Amino acid sequence: MQRSAGEIAGTFVVVVAAIGLLVAAFAFGAGHDIAFVGVITAFAVGVTGIGVHIAGRESRFRRDKR
């Protein structure tokens, strides 16, 4: 199965955001209150990555439909 660059980039962003979310969540749980900013940021980046992945997939479907 061939994947578009947007799908690959979106998947990469989601994976990095998930790792960042875990690190920030453990830091927040350990008592570092400023890590909450990292939790919110990682969540927002993850949602953005999902959007990029979906947009890349939709673009590939439209391109292959021709």
N, C-alpha and C. Protein backbone atom coordinates (compact mmCIF):
# COMPACT_ATOMS: atom_id res chain seq x y z
N MET A 1 0.85 -1.18 0.00
CA MET A 1 0.00 0.00 0.00
C MET A 1 0.89 1.25 0.00
N GLN A 2 0.63 2.12 -0.91
CA GLN A 2 1.40 3.34 -1.02
C GLN A 2 0.78 4.42 -0.15
N ARG A 3 1.61 5.14 0.57
CA ARG A 3 1.12 6.19 1.46
C ARG A 3 1.63 7.54 0.98
N SER A 4 0.84 8.56 1.27
CA SER A 4 1.23 9.90 0.87
C SER A 4 2.14 10.51 1.94
N ALA A 5 2.80 11.59 1.57
CA ALA A 5 3.69 12.27 2.52
C ALA A 5 2.91 12.82 3.70
N GLY A 6 1.69 13.27 3.47
CA GLY A 6 0.86 13.80 4.56
C GLY A 6 0.49 12.74 5.57
N GLU A 7 0.22 11.54 5.09
CA GLU A 7 -0.11 10.44 6.01
C GLU A 7 1.10 10.08 6.88
N ILE A 8 2.26 10.02 6.25
CA ILE A 8 3.47 9.69 6.99
C ILE A 8 3.80 10.78 8.00
N ALA A 9 3.73 12.03 7.58
CA ALA A 9 4.01 13.15 8.49
C ALA A 9 3.01 13.19 9.64
N GLY A 10 1.75 12.98 9.34
CA GLY A 10 0.72 12.98 10.38
C GLY A 10 0.94 11.89 11.40
N THR A 11 1.30 10.70 10.93
CA THR A 11 1.57 9.59 11.83
C THR A 11 2.78 9.89 12.71
N PHE A 12 3.82 10.45 12.12
CA PHE A 12 5.02 10.82 12.89
C PHE A 12 4.68 11.84 13.97
N VAL A 13 3.90 12.86 13.62
CA VAL A 13 3.52 13.89 14.58
C VAL A 13 2.70 13.29 15.72
N VAL A 14 1.78 12.39 15.40
CA VAL A 14 0.96 11.76 16.45
C VAL A 14 1.82 10.93 17.39
N VAL A 15 2.78 10.18 16.86
CA VAL A 15 3.64 9.36 17.70
C VAL A 15 4.50 10.23 18.61
N VAL A 16 5.08 11.28 18.07
CA VAL A 16 5.90 12.18 18.89
C VAL A 16 5.04 12.86 19.95
N ALA A 17 3.83 13.27 19.60
CA ALA A 17 2.94 13.90 20.56
C ALA A 17 2.53 12.92 21.66
N ALA A 18 2.31 11.66 21.31
CA ALA A 18 1.94 10.66 22.32
C ALA A 18 3.08 10.44 23.31
N ILE A 19 4.30 10.40 22.81
CA ILE A 19 5.45 10.26 23.71
C ILE A 19 5.57 11.49 24.60
N GLY A 20 5.42 12.67 24.01
CA GLY A 20 5.46 13.91 24.80
C GLY A 20 4.35 13.97 25.83
N LEU A 21 3.19 13.48 25.46
CA LEU A 21 2.06 13.47 26.39
C LEU A 21 2.35 12.56 27.59
N LEU A 22 2.92 11.41 27.33
CA LEU A 22 3.27 10.50 28.43
C LEU A 22 4.31 11.12 29.37
N VAL A 23 5.34 11.70 28.78
CA VAL A 23 6.39 12.32 29.60
C VAL A 23 5.82 13.47 30.43
N ALA A 24 5.02 14.32 29.80
CA ALA A 24 4.43 15.45 30.52
C ALA A 24 3.44 14.99 31.58
N ALA A 25 2.70 13.94 31.30
CA ALA A 25 1.73 13.44 32.28
C ALA A 25 2.44 12.88 33.51
N PHE A 26 3.52 12.14 33.30
CA PHE A 26 4.27 11.63 34.44
C PHE A 26 4.94 12.76 35.22
N ALA A 27 5.45 13.77 34.51
CA ALA A 27 6.04 14.92 35.20
C ALA A 27 4.99 15.67 36.01
N PHE A 28 3.81 15.82 35.44
CA PHE A 28 2.73 16.49 36.17
C PHE A 28 2.31 15.66 37.38
N GLY A 29 2.25 14.36 37.21
CA GLY A 29 1.91 13.48 38.32
C GLY A 29 2.95 13.49 39.43
N ALA A 30 4.20 13.77 39.06
CA ALA A 30 5.28 13.83 40.05
C ALA A 30 5.29 15.14 40.82
N GLY A 31 4.40 16.05 40.45
CA GLY A 31 4.30 17.29 41.21
C GLY A 31 4.83 18.53 40.52
N HIS A 32 5.26 18.41 39.29
CA HIS A 32 5.73 19.58 38.54
C HIS A 32 4.53 20.21 37.85
N ASP A 33 4.00 21.25 38.46
CA ASP A 33 2.75 21.84 37.97
C ASP A 33 2.90 22.47 36.59
N ILE A 34 4.08 22.95 36.25
CA ILE A 34 4.28 23.58 34.94
C ILE A 34 4.17 22.54 33.81
N ALA A 35 4.29 21.27 34.14
CA ALA A 35 4.18 20.21 33.12
C ALA A 35 2.77 20.13 32.55
N PHE A 36 1.80 20.76 33.21
CA PHE A 36 0.44 20.78 32.68
C PHE A 36 0.41 21.48 31.32
N VAL A 37 1.26 22.49 31.15
CA VAL A 37 1.36 23.17 29.86
C VAL A 37 1.83 22.17 28.79
N GLY A 38 2.75 21.31 29.15
CA GLY A 38 3.21 20.27 28.22
C GLY A 38 2.13 19.28 27.87
N VAL A 39 1.29 18.95 28.86
CA VAL A 39 0.17 18.03 28.60
C VAL A 39 -0.78 18.65 27.59
N ILE A 40 -1.15 19.89 27.81
CA ILE A 40 -2.08 20.57 26.90
C ILE A 40 -1.46 20.72 25.51
N THR A 41 -0.19 21.10 25.46
CA THR A 41 0.49 21.27 24.17
C THR A 41 0.60 19.95 23.41
N ALA A 42 0.98 18.89 24.11
CA ALA A 42 1.10 17.59 23.44
C ALA A 42 -0.26 17.11 22.93
N PHE A 43 -1.31 17.36 23.69
CA PHE A 43 -2.64 16.98 23.23
C PHE A 43 -3.02 17.75 21.97
N ALA A 44 -2.76 19.05 21.96
CA ALA A 44 -3.08 19.88 20.79
C ALA A 44 -2.27 19.44 19.57
N VAL A 45 -1.00 19.15 19.77
CA VAL A 45 -0.16 18.69 18.66
C VAL A 45 -0.65 17.34 18.14
N GLY A 46 -1.07 16.47 19.03
CA GLY A 46 -1.60 15.17 18.61
C GLY A 46 -2.86 15.29 17.78
N VAL A 47 -3.76 16.17 18.19
CA VAL A 47 -4.98 16.40 17.42
C VAL A 47 -4.64 16.98 16.05
N THR A 48 -3.67 17.88 16.01
CA THR A 48 -3.23 18.45 14.73
C THR A 48 -2.63 17.36 13.84
N GLY A 49 -1.86 16.47 14.42
CA GLY A 49 -1.28 15.36 13.65
C GLY A 49 -2.33 14.45 13.06
N ILE A 50 -3.39 14.20 13.83
CA ILE A 50 -4.50 13.39 13.30
C ILE A 50 -5.14 14.11 12.11
N GLY A 51 -5.29 15.41 12.22
CA GLY A 51 -5.86 16.18 11.11
C GLY A 51 -4.99 16.13 9.87
N VAL A 52 -3.68 16.24 10.05
CA VAL A 52 -2.75 16.16 8.91
C VAL A 52 -2.83 14.77 8.27
N HIS A 53 -2.88 13.74 9.09
CA HIS A 53 -2.97 12.38 8.57
C HIS A 53 -4.26 12.18 7.76
N ILE A 54 -5.38 12.64 8.30
CA ILE A 54 -6.66 12.49 7.61
C ILE A 54 -6.68 13.30 6.31
N ALA A 55 -6.12 14.50 6.34
CA ALA A 55 -6.07 15.31 5.13
C ALA A 55 -5.21 14.66 4.06
N GLY A 56 -4.09 14.08 4.46
CA GLY A 56 -3.24 13.37 3.51
C GLY A 56 -3.92 12.16 2.91
N ARG A 57 -4.65 11.44 3.74
CA ARG A 57 -5.38 10.26 3.26
C ARG A 57 -6.49 10.66 2.29
N GLU A 58 -7.23 11.70 2.64
CA GLU A 58 -8.31 12.18 1.76
C GLU A 58 -7.74 12.65 0.43
N SER A 59 -6.60 13.34 0.49
CA SER A 59 -5.96 13.80 -0.74
C SER A 59 -5.55 12.62 -1.62
N ARG A 60 -4.99 11.59 -1.00
CA ARG A 60 -4.59 10.41 -1.78
C ARG A 60 -5.79 9.70 -2.38
N PHE A 61 -6.88 9.60 -1.63
CA PHE A 61 -8.09 8.96 -2.17
C PHE A 61 -8.63 9.74 -3.35
N ARG A 62 -8.64 11.05 -3.25
CA ARG A 62 -9.13 11.87 -4.37
C ARG A 62 -8.22 11.76 -5.58
N ARG A 63 -6.91 11.73 -5.34
CA ARG A 63 -5.96 11.64 -6.43
C ARG A 63 -6.05 10.28 -7.13
N ASP A 64 -6.21 9.21 -6.37
CA ASP A 64 -6.28 7.87 -6.94
C ASP A 64 -7.62 7.58 -7.60
N LYS A 65 -8.62 8.35 -7.26
CA LYS A 65 -9.97 8.13 -7.80
C LYS A 65 -10.03 8.46 -9.29
N ARG A 66 -9.15 9.35 -9.75
CA ARG A 66 -9.17 9.77 -11.15
C ARG A 66 -8.96 8.64 -12.07
